[in-house]
Structure formats: C-alpha cells, structure tokens
Amino acid sequence: MFMSAFKKAFELTEAIESRAYSAKITRGHFKNLSFSFNDLLAFIFFAGLSFFLLFG
C-alpha cells in the first residue's frame, strides 16, 4: 500500500510536469458578471416569444 501511494504520487508529478504547470504562472481571472437592464429586456422578449410559440 505504501509503494502504491508513492507510485501514484510519481505519476501525478509526471502528469503535472508534462502539462507545464508551475506555481509561478498566474492563471486567468474570471470576469464578474452582473444582471443588467439589457438582460431583463432580453429575458422578457424571449419569455414572451416562447409563450407565443407554445400557446399562440
């Protein structure tokens, strides 16, 4: 069991190195999204369109 843990750790190390992961590289950042007035208009439009197509 002890040897299998070392084997898995070694395999994980090789996988990380082969993908060029490094602690020095900074990753991208997510853009914080917010609900705006245009989103509300689009929601109302598509909700109305869906209602019209289903029940119209």
PDB file of N, CA and C in Angstrom:
ATOM      1  N   MET A   1       0.830  -1.185   0.000  1.00  0.00           N
ATOM      2  CA  MET A   1       0.000   0.000   0.000  1.00  0.00           C
ATOM      3  C   MET A   1       0.878   1.254   0.000  1.00  0.00           C
ATOM      4  N   PHE A   2       1.956   1.210   0.758  1.00  0.00           N
ATOM      5  CA  PHE A   2       2.872   2.340   0.824  1.00  0.00           C
ATOM      6  C   PHE A   2       3.528   2.577  -0.530  1.00  0.00           C
ATOM      7  N   MET A   3       3.882   1.503  -1.218  1.00  0.00           N
ATOM      8  CA  MET A   3       4.516   1.635  -2.531  1.00  0.00           C
ATOM      9  C   MET A   3       3.519   2.149  -3.577  1.00  0.00           C
ATOM     10  N   SER A   4       2.271   1.721  -3.470  1.00  0.00           N
ATOM     11  CA  SER A   4       1.283   2.197  -4.449  1.00  0.00           C
ATOM     12  C   SER A   4       1.027   3.694  -4.274  1.00  0.00           C
ATOM     13  N   ALA A   5       1.100   4.198  -3.047  1.00  0.00           N
ATOM     14  CA  ALA A   5       0.938   5.632  -2.819  1.00  0.00           C
ATOM     15  C   ALA A   5       2.090   6.400  -3.461  1.00  0.00           C
ATOM     16  N   PHE A   6       3.314   5.891  -3.341  1.00  0.00           N
ATOM     17  CA  PHE A   6       4.454   6.538  -3.989  1.00  0.00           C
ATOM     18  C   PHE A   6       4.333   6.483  -5.506  1.00  0.00           C
ATOM     19  N   LYS A   7       3.849   5.354  -6.020  1.00  0.00           N
ATOM     20  CA  LYS A   7       3.690   5.215  -7.469  1.00  0.00           C
ATOM     21  C   LYS A   7       2.671   6.233  -7.985  1.00  0.00           C
ATOM     22  N   LYS A   8       1.529   6.364  -7.293  1.00  0.00           N
ATOM     23  CA  LYS A   8       0.521   7.326  -7.723  1.00  0.00           C
ATOM     24  C   LYS A   8       1.034   8.762  -7.618  1.00  0.00           C
ATOM     25  N   ALA A   9       1.790   9.058  -6.571  1.00  0.00           N
ATOM     26  CA  ALA A   9       2.360  10.397  -6.420  1.00  0.00           C
ATOM     27  C   ALA A   9       3.345  10.685  -7.547  1.00  0.00           C
ATOM     28  N   PHE A  10       4.141   9.690  -7.911  1.00  0.00           N
ATOM     29  CA  PHE A  10       5.097   9.860  -9.005  1.00  0.00           C
ATOM     30  C   PHE A  10       4.373  10.098 -10.322  1.00  0.00           C
ATOM     31  N   GLU A  11       3.307   9.337 -10.575  1.00  0.00           N
ATOM     32  CA  GLU A  11       2.539   9.511 -11.808  1.00  0.00           C
ATOM     33  C   GLU A  11       1.894  10.895 -11.863  1.00  0.00           C
ATOM     34  N   LEU A  12       1.378  11.346 -10.732  1.00  0.00           N
ATOM     35  CA  LEU A  12       0.776  12.679 -10.676  1.00  0.00           C
ATOM     36  C   LEU A  12       1.829  13.752 -10.923  1.00  0.00           C
ATOM     37  N   THR A  13       3.002  13.582 -10.367  1.00  0.00           N
ATOM     38  CA  THR A  13       4.091  14.537 -10.580  1.00  0.00           C
ATOM     39  C   THR A  13       4.470  14.608 -12.051  1.00  0.00           C
ATOM     40  N   GLU A  14       4.577  13.454 -12.689  1.00  0.00           N
ATOM     41  CA  GLU A  14       4.911  13.431 -14.115  1.00  0.00           C
ATOM     42  C   GLU A  14       3.822  14.103 -14.950  1.00  0.00           C
ATOM     43  N   ALA A  15       2.568  13.862 -14.606  1.00  0.00           N
ATOM     44  CA  ALA A  15       1.468  14.471 -15.361  1.00  0.00           C
ATOM     45  C   ALA A  15       1.486  15.989 -15.217  1.00  0.00           C
ATOM     46  N   ILE A  16       1.724  16.466 -14.017  1.00  0.00           N
ATOM     47  CA  ILE A  16       1.755  17.915 -13.783  1.00  0.00           C
ATOM     48  C   ILE A  16       2.937  18.540 -14.530  1.00  0.00           C
ATOM     49  N   GLU A  17       4.082  17.907 -14.480  1.00  0.00           N
ATOM     50  CA  GLU A  17       5.253  18.452 -15.174  1.00  0.00           C
ATOM     51  C   GLU A  17       5.074  18.421 -16.680  1.00  0.00           C
ATOM     52  N   SER A  18       4.438  17.376 -17.209  1.00  0.00           N
ATOM     53  CA  SER A  18       4.267  17.280 -18.662  1.00  0.00           C
ATOM     54  C   SER A  18       3.304  18.333 -19.191  1.00  0.00           C
ATOM     55  N   ARG A  19       2.406  18.812 -18.342  1.00  0.00           N
ATOM     56  CA  ARG A  19       1.458  19.852 -18.756  1.00  0.00           C
ATOM     57  C   ARG A  19       1.986  21.246 -18.463  1.00  0.00           C
ATOM     58  N   ALA A  20       3.197  21.327 -17.995  1.00  0.00           N
ATOM     59  CA  ALA A  20       3.886  22.597 -17.741  1.00  0.00           C
ATOM     60  C   ALA A  20       3.180  23.437 -16.681  1.00  0.00           C
ATOM     61  N   TYR A  21       2.612  22.782 -15.688  1.00  0.00           N
ATOM     62  CA  TYR A  21       2.052  23.523 -14.562  1.00  0.00           C
ATOM     63  C   TYR A  21       3.186  24.021 -13.697  1.00  0.00           C
ATOM     64  N   SER A  22       3.046  25.219 -13.213  1.00  0.00           N
ATOM     65  CA  SER A  22       4.067  25.790 -12.357  1.00  0.00           C
ATOM     66  C   SER A  22       3.392  26.701 -11.346  1.00  0.00           C
ATOM     67  N   ALA A  23       3.976  26.809 -10.176  1.00  0.00           N
ATOM     68  CA  ALA A  23       3.422  27.694  -9.152  1.00  0.00           C
ATOM     69  C   ALA A  23       3.683  29.153  -9.506  1.00  0.00           C
ATOM     70  N   LYS A  24       4.638  29.412 -10.390  1.00  0.00           N
ATOM     71  CA  LYS A  24       5.000  30.786 -10.749  1.00  0.00           C
ATOM     72  C   LYS A  24       4.029  31.420 -11.740  1.00  0.00           C
ATOM     73  N   ILE A  25       3.353  30.597 -12.525  1.00  0.00           N
ATOM     74  CA  ILE A  25       2.468  31.109 -13.565  1.00  0.00           C
ATOM     75  C   ILE A  25       1.142  31.512 -12.940  1.00  0.00           C
ATOM     76  N   THR A  26       0.710  32.731 -13.228  1.00  0.00           N
ATOM     77  CA  THR A  26      -0.593  33.165 -12.739  1.00  0.00           C
ATOM     78  C   THR A  26      -1.654  32.769 -13.745  1.00  0.00           C
ATOM     79  N   ARG A  27      -2.744  32.318 -13.250  1.00  0.00           N
ATOM     80  CA  ARG A  27      -3.844  31.865 -14.107  1.00  0.00           C
ATOM     81  C   ARG A  27      -4.727  33.048 -14.484  1.00  0.00           C
ATOM     82  N   GLY A  28      -5.586  32.826 -15.460  1.00  0.00           N
ATOM     83  CA  GLY A  28      -6.529  33.856 -15.867  1.00  0.00           C
ATOM     84  C   GLY A  28      -7.547  34.119 -14.782  1.00  0.00           C
ATOM     85  N   HIS A  29      -8.249  35.193 -14.936  1.00  0.00           N
ATOM     86  CA  HIS A  29      -9.240  35.576 -13.946  1.00  0.00           C
ATOM     87  C   HIS A  29     -10.615  35.555 -14.573  1.00  0.00           C
ATOM     88  N   PHE A  30     -11.593  35.220 -13.751  1.00  0.00           N
ATOM     89  CA  PHE A  30     -12.972  35.265 -14.212  1.00  0.00           C
ATOM     90  C   PHE A  30     -13.484  36.687 -14.156  1.00  0.00           C
ATOM     91  N   LYS A  31     -14.304  37.023 -15.115  1.00  0.00           N
ATOM     92  CA  LYS A  31     -14.935  38.338 -15.108  1.00  0.00           C
ATOM     93  C   LYS A  31     -16.233  38.215 -14.315  1.00  0.00           C
ATOM     94  N   ASN A  32     -16.408  39.065 -13.341  1.00  0.00           N
ATOM     95  CA  ASN A  32     -17.636  39.051 -12.562  1.00  0.00           C
ATOM     96  C   ASN A  32     -18.770  39.611 -13.406  1.00  0.00           C
ATOM     97  N   LEU A  33     -19.816  38.819 -13.543  1.00  0.00           N
ATOM     98  CA  LEU A  33     -20.956  39.217 -14.343  1.00  0.00           C
ATOM     99  C   LEU A  33     -22.062  39.721 -13.429  1.00  0.00           C
ATOM    100  N   SER A  34     -22.849  40.631 -13.953  1.00  0.00           N
ATOM    101  CA  SER A  34     -23.988  41.137 -13.191  1.00  0.00           C
ATOM    102  C   SER A  34     -25.182  41.248 -14.130  1.00  0.00           C
ATOM    103  N   PHE A  35     -26.356  41.201 -13.537  1.00  0.00           N
ATOM    104  CA  PHE A  35     -27.599  41.277 -14.284  1.00  0.00           C
ATOM    105  C   PHE A  35     -27.895  42.737 -14.586  1.00  0.00           C
ATOM    106  N   SER A  36     -28.025  43.077 -15.865  1.00  0.00           N
ATOM    107  CA  SER A  36     -28.242  44.464 -16.253  1.00  0.00           C
ATOM    108  C   SER A  36     -29.642  44.642 -16.854  1.00  0.00           C
ATOM    109  N   PHE A  37     -29.949  45.867 -17.189  1.00  0.00           N
ATOM    110  CA  PHE A  37     -31.247  46.184 -17.791  1.00  0.00           C
ATOM    111  C   PHE A  37     -31.415  45.481 -19.136  1.00  0.00           C
ATOM    112  N   ASN A  38     -30.355  45.385 -19.914  1.00  0.00           N
ATOM    113  CA  ASN A  38     -30.422  44.691 -21.209  1.00  0.00           C
ATOM    114  C   ASN A  38     -30.734  43.210 -21.020  1.00  0.00           C
ATOM    115  N   ASP A  39     -30.223  42.630 -19.958  1.00  0.00           N
ATOM    116  CA  ASP A  39     -30.535  41.233 -19.667  1.00  0.00           C
ATOM    117  C   ASP A  39     -32.016  41.066 -19.361  1.00  0.00           C
ATOM    118  N   LEU A  40     -32.569  42.013 -18.624  1.00  0.00           N
ATOM    119  CA  LEU A  40     -34.002  41.983 -18.305  1.00  0.00           C
ATOM    120  C   LEU A  40     -34.836  42.093 -19.569  1.00  0.00           C
ATOM    121  N   LEU A  41     -34.461  43.009 -20.460  1.00  0.00           N
ATOM    122  CA  LEU A  41     -35.198  43.149 -21.726  1.00  0.00           C
ATOM    123  C   LEU A  41     -35.119  41.879 -22.564  1.00  0.00           C
ATOM    124  N   ALA A  42     -33.957  41.272 -22.634  1.00  0.00           N
ATOM    125  CA  ALA A  42     -33.799  40.040 -23.403  1.00  0.00           C
ATOM    126  C   ALA A  42     -34.630  38.917 -22.780  1.00  0.00           C
ATOM    127  N   PHE A  43     -34.653  38.834 -21.461  1.00  0.00           N
ATOM    128  CA  PHE A  43     -35.441  37.805 -20.782  1.00  0.00           C
ATOM    129  C   PHE A  43     -36.928  37.987 -21.083  1.00  0.00           C
ATOM    130  N   ILE A  44     -37.405  39.209 -20.982  1.00  0.00           N
ATOM    131  CA  ILE A  44     -38.828  39.476 -21.258  1.00  0.00           C
ATOM    132  C   ILE A  44     -39.162  39.144 -22.703  1.00  0.00           C
ATOM    133  N   PHE A  45     -38.287  39.526 -23.626  1.00  0.00           N
ATOM    134  CA  PHE A  45     -38.526  39.251 -25.043  1.00  0.00           C
ATOM    135  C   PHE A  45     -38.598  37.753 -25.310  1.00  0.00           C
ATOM    136  N   PHE A  46     -37.621  36.998 -24.825  1.00  0.00           N
ATOM    137  CA  PHE A  46     -37.588  35.566 -25.113  1.00  0.00           C
ATOM    138  C   PHE A  46     -38.664  34.802 -24.339  1.00  0.00           C
ATOM    139  N   ALA A  47     -39.030  35.282 -23.152  1.00  0.00           N
ATOM    140  CA  ALA A  47     -40.132  34.662 -22.430  1.00  0.00           C
ATOM    141  C   ALA A  47     -41.433  34.873 -23.197  1.00  0.00           C
ATOM    142  N   GLY A  48     -41.640  36.074 -23.708  1.00  0.00           N
ATOM    143  CA  GLY A  48     -42.829  36.362 -24.500  1.00  0.00           C
ATOM    144  C   GLY A  48     -42.849  35.566 -25.793  1.00  0.00           C
ATOM    145  N   LEU A  49     -41.720  35.491 -26.455  1.00  0.00           N
ATOM    146  CA  LEU A  49     -41.627  34.709 -27.687  1.00  0.00           C
ATOM    147  C   LEU A  49     -41.917  33.234 -27.425  1.00  0.00           C
ATOM    148  N   SER A  50     -41.360  32.701 -26.359  1.00  0.00           N
ATOM    149  CA  SER A  50     -41.605  31.293 -26.017  1.00  0.00           C
ATOM    150  C   SER A  50     -43.072  31.068 -25.705  1.00  0.00           C
ATOM    151  N   PHE A  51     -43.675  31.963 -24.942  1.00  0.00           N
ATOM    152  CA  PHE A  51     -45.094  31.835 -24.619  1.00  0.00           C
ATOM    153  C   PHE A  51     -45.943  31.879 -25.878  1.00  0.00           C
ATOM    154  N   PHE A  52     -45.603  32.794 -26.785  1.00  0.00           N
ATOM    155  CA  PHE A  52     -46.354  32.920 -28.035  1.00  0.00           C
ATOM    156  C   PHE A  52     -46.215  31.667 -28.888  1.00  0.00           C
ATOM    157  N   LEU A  53     -45.015  31.110 -28.972  1.00  0.00           N
ATOM    158  CA  LEU A  53     -44.815  29.913 -29.792  1.00  0.00           C
ATOM    159  C   LEU A  53     -45.466  28.685 -29.180  1.00  0.00           C
ATOM    160  N   LEU A  54     -45.518  28.603 -27.872  1.00  0.00           N
ATOM    161  CA  LEU A  54     -46.122  27.441 -27.234  1.00  0.00           C
ATOM    162  C   LEU A  54     -47.640  27.521 -27.185  1.00  0.00           C
ATOM    163  N   PHE A  55     -48.187  28.689 -26.899  1.00  0.00           N
ATOM    164  CA  PHE A  55     -49.624  28.809 -26.664  1.00  0.00           C
ATOM    165  C   PHE A  55     -50.342  29.689 -27.684  1.00  0.00           C
ATOM    166  N   GLY A  56     -49.615  30.230 -28.645  1.00  0.00           N
ATOM    167  CA  GLY A  56     -50.223  31.179 -29.566  1.00  0.00           C
ATOM    168  C   GLY A  56     -50.848  30.600 -30.758  1.00  0.00           C
TER     169      GLY A  56
END
